[in-house]
C-alpha atoms as a PDB file:
ATOM      1  CA  MET A   1      72.060  26.484 232.076  1.00  0.00           C
ATOM      2  CA  GLU A   2      70.504  23.701 230.054  1.00  0.00           C
ATOM      3  CA  THR A   3      71.603  25.421 226.813  1.00  0.00           C
ATOM      4  CA  ALA A   4      75.228  25.491 228.023  1.00  0.00           C
ATOM      5  CA  TRP A   5      75.031  21.779 228.851  1.00  0.00           C
ATOM      6  CA  VAL A   6      73.628  20.981 225.401  1.00  0.00           C
ATOM      7  CA  THR A   7      76.367  23.045 223.744  1.00  0.00           C
ATOM      8  CA  LEU A   8      79.055  21.213 225.722  1.00  0.00           C
ATOM      9  CA  GLN A   9      77.559  17.868 224.799  1.00  0.00           C
ATOM     10  CA  GLU A  10      77.378  18.940 221.177  1.00  0.00           C
ATOM     11  CA  THR A  11      81.003  20.105 221.287  1.00  0.00           C
ATOM     12  CA  PHE A  12      82.533  16.986 222.770  1.00  0.00           C
ATOM     13  CA  THR A  13      80.359  14.228 221.350  1.00  0.00           C
ATOM     14  CA  ASP A  14      81.266  12.463 218.142  1.00  0.00           C
ATOM     15  CA  GLN A  15      77.652  11.576 217.332  1.00  0.00           C
ATOM     16  CA  ILE A  16      76.733  14.893 215.710  1.00  0.00           C
ATOM     17  CA  SER A  17      77.564  15.518 212.050  1.00  0.00           C
ATOM     18  CA  GLY A  18      79.367  18.699 211.038  1.00  0.00           C
ATOM     19  CA  LYS A  19      76.301  20.318 209.519  1.00  0.00           C
ATOM     20  CA  ASN A  20      74.529  20.091 212.891  1.00  0.00           C
ATOM     21  CA  LEU A  21      77.328  21.692 214.919  1.00  0.00           C
ATOM     22  CA  SER A  22      76.669  25.224 216.097  1.00  0.00           C
ATOM     23  CA  ILE A  23      79.157  28.020 215.507  1.00  0.00           C
ATOM     24  CA  PHE A  24      79.869  28.071 219.231  1.00  0.00           C
ATOM     25  CA  ALA A  25      80.592  24.324 219.299  1.00  0.00           C
ATOM     26  CA  MET A  26      82.932  24.641 216.299  1.00  0.00           C
ATOM     27  CA  SER A  27      84.690  27.550 218.018  1.00  0.00           C
ATOM     28  CA  ILE A  28      85.227  25.548 221.192  1.00  0.00           C
ATOM     29  CA  ARG A  29      86.538  22.624 219.128  1.00  0.00           C
ATOM     30  CA  GLY A  30      88.862  25.027 217.279  1.00  0.00           C
ATOM     31  CA  VAL A  31      90.281  26.377 220.539  1.00  0.00           C
ATOM     32  CA  LEU A  32      90.701  22.835 221.897  1.00  0.00           C
ATOM     33  CA  ILE A  33      92.517  21.698 218.733  1.00  0.00           C
ATOM     34  CA  PHE A  34      94.733  24.799 218.898  1.00  0.00           C
ATOM     35  CA  VAL A  35      95.666  24.024 222.505  1.00  0.00           C
ATOM     36  CA  VAL A  36      96.353  20.385 221.621  1.00  0.00           C
ATOM     37  CA  TRP A  37      98.591  21.439 218.693  1.00  0.00           C
ATOM     38  CA  VAL A  38     100.551  23.867 220.930  1.00  0.00           C
ATOM     39  CA  VAL A  39     101.008  21.118 223.542  1.00  0.00           C
ATOM     40  CA  ILE A  40     102.199  18.715 220.827  1.00  0.00           C
ATOM     41  CA  VAL A  41     104.761  21.214 219.563  1.00  0.00           C
ATOM     42  CA  ARG A  42     106.004  21.963 223.091  1.00  0.00           C
ATOM     43  CA  VAL A  43     106.083  18.355 224.254  1.00  0.00           C
ATOM     44  CA  ALA A  44     107.047  16.570 221.031  1.00  0.00           C
ATOM     45  CA  ASP A  45     110.120  18.738 220.507  1.00  0.00           C
ATOM     46  CA  ARG A  46     111.153  21.524 218.208  1.00  0.00           C
ATOM     47  CA  ARG A  47     111.760  18.936 215.508  1.00  0.00           C
ATOM     48  CA  VAL A  48     108.050  18.757 214.670  1.00  0.00           C
ATOM     49  CA  LEU A  49     108.042  22.263 213.178  1.00  0.00           C
ATOM     50  CA  GLY A  50     111.782  22.528 212.610  1.00  0.00           C
ATOM     51  CA  ARG A  51     111.537  20.358 209.492  1.00  0.00           C
ATOM     52  CA  TYR A  52     114.899  18.766 210.073  1.00  0.00           C
ATOM     53  CA  SER A  53     114.242  16.012 207.556  1.00  0.00           C
ATOM     54  CA  ALA A  54     111.533  14.548 205.337  1.00  0.00           C
ATOM     55  CA  PHE A  55     110.685  12.328 208.297  1.00  0.00           C
ATOM     56  CA  ASP A  56     109.733  15.435 210.348  1.00  0.00           C
ATOM     57  CA  VAL A  57     107.910  17.161 207.477  1.00  0.00           C
ATOM     58  CA  VAL A  58     105.707  14.102 206.935  1.00  0.00           C
ATOM     59  CA  LEU A  59     104.663  14.140 210.586  1.00  0.00           C
ATOM     60  CA  SER A  60     103.851  17.872 210.507  1.00  0.00           C
ATOM     61  CA  VAL A  61     101.732  17.573 207.379  1.00  0.00           C
ATOM     62  CA  MET A  62      99.889  14.517 208.677  1.00  0.00           C
ATOM     63  CA  ILE A  63      99.112  16.081 212.047  1.00  0.00           C
ATOM     64  CA  GLY A  64      97.956  19.311 210.400  1.00  0.00           C
ATOM     65  CA  ALA A  65      95.663  17.399 208.064  1.00  0.00           C
ATOM     66  CA  VAL A  66      94.259  15.216 210.829  1.00  0.00           C
ATOM     67  CA  LEU A  67      93.716  18.018 213.346  1.00  0.00           C
ATOM     68  CA  GLY A  68      91.743  20.232 210.984  1.00  0.00           C
ATOM     69  CA  ARG A  69      88.905  17.788 210.397  1.00  0.00           C
ATOM     70  CA  PRO A  70      87.251  17.513 213.826  1.00  0.00           C
ATOM     71  CA  ILE A  71      86.763  21.283 214.130  1.00  0.00           C
ATOM     72  CA  ASN A  72      83.800  21.233 211.760  1.00  0.00           C
ATOM     73  CA  GLY A  73      82.695  17.715 212.640  1.00  0.00           C
ATOM     74  CA  GLY A  74      84.329  16.064 209.626  1.00  0.00           C
ATOM     75  CA  ALA A  75      86.005  13.509 211.882  1.00  0.00           C
ATOM     76  CA  PRO A  76      85.420  12.276 215.426  1.00  0.00           C
ATOM     77  CA  LEU A  77      87.070  14.586 217.976  1.00  0.00           C
ATOM     78  CA  TRP A  78      88.351  11.972 220.420  1.00  0.00           C
ATOM     79  CA  GLY A  79      89.376   9.507 217.733  1.00  0.00           C
ATOM     80  CA  THR A  80      91.360  12.250 216.017  1.00  0.00           C
ATOM     81  CA  LEU A  81      93.130  13.208 219.233  1.00  0.00           C
ATOM     82  CA  ALA A  82      94.000   9.540 219.801  1.00  0.00           C
ATOM     83  CA  ALA A  83      95.346   9.272 216.232  1.00  0.00           C
ATOM     84  CA  VAL A  84      97.514  12.367 216.730  1.00  0.00           C
ATOM     85  CA  ALA A  85      98.862  10.959 219.998  1.00  0.00           C
ATOM     86  CA  ALA A  86      99.721   7.728 218.154  1.00  0.00           C
ATOM     87  CA  LEU A  87     101.503   9.663 215.369  1.00  0.00           C
ATOM     88  CA  VAL A  88     103.572  11.624 217.893  1.00  0.00           C
ATOM     89  CA  ALA A  89     104.448   8.408 219.751  1.00  0.00           C
ATOM     90  CA  VAL A  90     105.579   6.735 216.509  1.00  0.00           C
ATOM     91  CA  HIS A  91     107.636   9.833 215.662  1.00  0.00           C
ATOM     92  CA  TRP A  92     109.335   9.692 219.062  1.00  0.00           C
ATOM     93  CA  MET A  93     110.076   5.982 218.683  1.00  0.00           C
ATOM     94  CA  LEU A  94     111.511   6.434 215.189  1.00  0.00           C
ATOM     95  CA  ALA A  95     113.562   9.458 216.294  1.00  0.00           C
ATOM     96  CA  PHE A  96     114.906   7.475 219.257  1.00  0.00           C
ATOM     97  CA  ALA A  97     115.767   4.491 217.047  1.00  0.00           C
ATOM     98  CA  SER A  98     117.415   6.833 214.515  1.00  0.00           C
ATOM     99  CA  HIS A  99     119.511   8.354 217.271  1.00  0.00           C
ATOM    100  CA  ARG A 100     120.419   4.990 218.752  1.00  0.00           C
ATOM    101  CA  TRP A 101     121.207   3.079 215.534  1.00  0.00           C
ATOM    102  CA  ARG A 102     123.007   5.042 212.848  1.00  0.00           C
ATOM    103  CA  GLY A 103     122.006   2.696 210.010  1.00  0.00           C
ATOM    104  CA  PHE A 104     118.346   3.091 210.914  1.00  0.00           C
ATOM    105  CA  GLY A 105     118.799   6.866 211.035  1.00  0.00           C
ATOM    106  CA  ARG A 106     120.308   6.834 207.552  1.00  0.00           C
ATOM    107  CA  LEU A 107     117.371   4.754 206.312  1.00  0.00           C
ATOM    108  CA  ILE A 108     114.764   7.103 207.814  1.00  0.00           C
ATOM    109  CA  LYS A 109     116.490  10.451 207.282  1.00  0.00           C
ATOM    110  CA  GLY A 110     118.902   9.884 204.406  1.00  0.00           C
ATOM    111  CA  ASP A 111     122.492  11.077 203.988  1.00  0.00           C
ATOM    112  CA  PRO A 112     124.033  14.454 203.229  1.00  0.00           C
ATOM    113  CA  HIS A 113     125.502  14.797 199.707  1.00  0.00           C
ATOM    114  CA  THR A 114     128.661  16.673 198.701  1.00  0.00           C
ATOM    115  CA  LEU A 115     127.958  19.079 195.823  1.00  0.00           C
ATOM    116  CA  VAL A 116     131.208  21.074 195.737  1.00  0.00           C
ATOM    117  CA  LEU A 117     134.649  20.030 196.906  1.00  0.00           C
ATOM    118  CA  GLU A 118     137.606  22.439 196.838  1.00  0.00           C
ATOM    119  CA  GLY A 119     135.778  24.763 194.438  1.00  0.00           C
ATOM    120  CA  ARG A 120     134.909  22.005 191.943  1.00  0.00           C
ATOM    121  CA  LEU A 121     131.388  20.814 191.213  1.00  0.00           C
ATOM    122  CA  CYS A 122     130.523  17.191 191.946  1.00  0.00           C
ATOM    123  CA  ARG A 123     128.419  16.882 188.807  1.00  0.00           C
ATOM    124  CA  ASP A 124     127.548  13.194 189.274  1.00  0.00           C
ATOM    125  CA  GLN A 125     126.041  13.905 192.695  1.00  0.00           C
ATOM    126  CA  MET A 126     124.252  17.000 191.392  1.00  0.00           C
ATOM    127  CA  ARG A 127     122.733  14.863 188.626  1.00  0.00           C
ATOM    128  CA  LYS A 128     121.559  12.270 191.182  1.00  0.00           C
ATOM    129  CA  ASP A 129     120.019  15.055 193.276  1.00  0.00           C
ATOM    130  CA  LEU A 130     118.448  16.640 190.169  1.00  0.00           C
ATOM    131  CA  LEU A 131     120.190  19.970 190.817  1.00  0.00           C
ATOM    132  CA  THR A 132     121.345  22.231 188.021  1.00  0.00           C
ATOM    133  CA  GLU A 133     124.331  24.501 188.328  1.00  0.00           C
ATOM    134  CA  ASN A 134     121.928  27.473 188.402  1.00  0.00           C
ATOM    135  CA  ASP A 135     120.005  25.865 191.308  1.00  0.00           C
ATOM    136  CA  LEU A 136     123.263  25.461 193.203  1.00  0.00           C
ATOM    137  CA  LYS A 137     124.374  29.039 192.494  1.00  0.00           C
ATOM    138  CA  GLU A 138     121.023  30.339 193.716  1.00  0.00           C
ATOM    139  CA  MET A 139     121.266  28.346 196.950  1.00  0.00           C
ATOM    140  CA  LEU A 140     124.853  29.532 197.464  1.00  0.00           C
ATOM    141  CA  ARG A 141     123.862  33.170 197.022  1.00  0.00           C
ATOM    142  CA  LEU A 142     120.831  32.876 199.302  1.00  0.00           C
ATOM    143  CA  ARG A 143     122.280  30.683 202.052  1.00  0.00           C
ATOM    144  CA  ALA A 144     126.060  31.075 201.984  1.00  0.00           C
ATOM    145  CA  ARG A 145     126.639  34.524 200.449  1.00  0.00           C
ATOM    146  CA  LEU A 146     128.856  33.029 197.781  1.00  0.00           C
ATOM    147  CA  ALA A 147     128.526  34.088 194.142  1.00  0.00           C
ATOM    148  CA  GLU A 148     130.125  31.032 192.551  1.00  0.00           C
ATOM    149  CA  PRO A 149     130.734  27.389 193.492  1.00  0.00           C
ATOM    150  CA  SER A 150     134.441  28.009 192.867  1.00  0.00           C
ATOM    151  CA  GLU A 151     134.439  30.182 196.018  1.00  0.00           C
ATOM    152  CA  ALA A 152     133.476  27.228 198.225  1.00  0.00           C
ATOM    153  CA  ARG A 153     135.775  24.687 199.802  1.00  0.00           C
ATOM    154  CA  LEU A 154     132.817  22.439 200.592  1.00  0.00           C
ATOM    155  CA  VAL A 155     129.081  22.553 199.818  1.00  0.00           C
ATOM    156  CA  ILE A 156     126.790  19.903 201.282  1.00  0.00           C
ATOM    157  CA  LEU A 157     123.152  19.198 200.451  1.00  0.00           C
ATOM    158  CA  GLU A 158     121.955  18.375 203.952  1.00  0.00           C
ATOM    159  CA  ARG A 159     119.373  15.765 204.889  1.00  0.00           C
ATOM    160  CA  ASN A 160     116.720  18.448 205.317  1.00  0.00           C
ATOM    161  CA  GLY A 161     117.175  19.701 201.738  1.00  0.00           C
ATOM    162  CA  GLN A 162     119.099  22.852 202.626  1.00  0.00           C
ATOM    163  CA  ILE A 163     122.710  23.502 201.777  1.00  0.00           C
ATOM    164  CA  SER A 164     125.625  24.308 204.007  1.00  0.00           C
ATOM    165  CA  ALA A 165     128.831  25.780 202.639  1.00  0.00           C
ATOM    166  CA  ILE A 166     132.356  26.443 203.853  1.00  0.00           C
ATOM    167  CA  PRO A 167     134.109  29.137 201.809  1.00  0.00           C
ATOM    168  CA  LEU A 168     137.634  28.741 200.527  1.00  0.00           C
ATOM    169  CA  ALA A 169     140.191  30.435 202.724  1.00  0.00           C
ATOM    170  CA  ARG A 170     140.871  33.874 201.318  1.00  0.00           C
ATOM    171  CA  LYS A 171     144.267  35.438 201.696  1.00  0.00           C
ATOM    172  CA  LEU A 172     144.716  39.098 202.374  1.00  0.00           C
ATOM    173  CA  GLN A 173     147.166  40.709 199.945  1.00  0.00           C
ATOM    174  CA  VAL A 174     148.832  44.080 200.137  1.00  0.00           C
ATOM    175  CA  VAL A 175     148.091  45.803 196.830  1.00  0.00           C
ATOM    176  CA  ASP A 176     149.507  49.267 197.369  1.00  0.00           C
ATOM    177  CA  VAL A 177     151.437  51.191 199.997  1.00  0.00           C
ATOM    178  CA  ALA A 178     151.651  54.976 199.821  1.00  0.00           C
ATOM    179  CA  VAL A 179     152.935  57.693 202.119  1.00  0.00           C
ATOM    180  CA  GLU A 180     151.636  61.244 201.744  1.00  0.00           C
ATOM    181  CA  SER A 181     152.001  64.041 204.276  1.00  0.00           C
ATOM    182  CA  ASP A 182     153.384  61.637 206.877  1.00  0.00           C
ATOM    183  CA  VAL A 183     150.308  59.399 206.534  1.00  0.00           C
ATOM    184  CA  GLN A 184     150.854  55.844 205.420  1.00  0.00           C
ATOM    185  CA  THR A 185     148.032  54.281 203.385  1.00  0.00           C
ATOM    186  CA  VAL A 186     147.913  50.543 202.815  1.00  0.00           C
ATOM    187  CA  ARG A 187     145.427  49.088 200.325  1.00  0.00           C
ATOM    188  CA  LEU A 188     144.489  45.467 200.930  1.00  0.00           C
ATOM    189  CA  GLU A 189     142.417  43.027 198.877  1.00  0.00           C
ATOM    190  CA  PHE A 190     141.185  39.529 199.470  1.00  0.00           C
ATOM    191  CA  ALA A 191     142.600  37.092 196.968  1.00  0.00           C
ATOM    192  CA  GLY A 192     140.544  34.028 196.048  1.00  0.00           C
ATOM    193  CA  GLY A 193     141.971  30.550 196.446  1.00  0.00           C
ATOM    194  CA  ALA A 194     143.444  28.608 199.312  1.00  0.00           C
END
């Protein structure tokens, strides 16, 4: 019984250096940190791991870096948990202010950028965003199932770094009509353009 008490003290005290922590104490700390991280994700909102913007990515990276240290005694357990709570609170306050005041939201999260408009590249914006035409084509193929920028009515580089695309309206054209043995066959093709 005394050994269990010593292990619990060792696990939850900040006075023991990492090299003096037992495997069992590190394991308990690991489970505790895991539970805390799950609670943060559930309570803080899906945004924390959703990586909606650089603002959210920064928080995720910081929390991950901070939470890993107390497991092996590299940082005080309770001080780390307090720091994580403070980070989540600041994130909530900034997210609330961003939602409430559009200008503040633009400052924190940035603006979306138009890369293609009516099938034409917005080269000046692409230059500002350091995107090559090949980068754009790759993103269009992967995210929008479009082979060429000319197939898009609108392509936006969103605030989270991903692209969204609206394809040009494609008209259906009758190419061939044939009647054989009382069966009518109609061949249709999509034509590019609006």
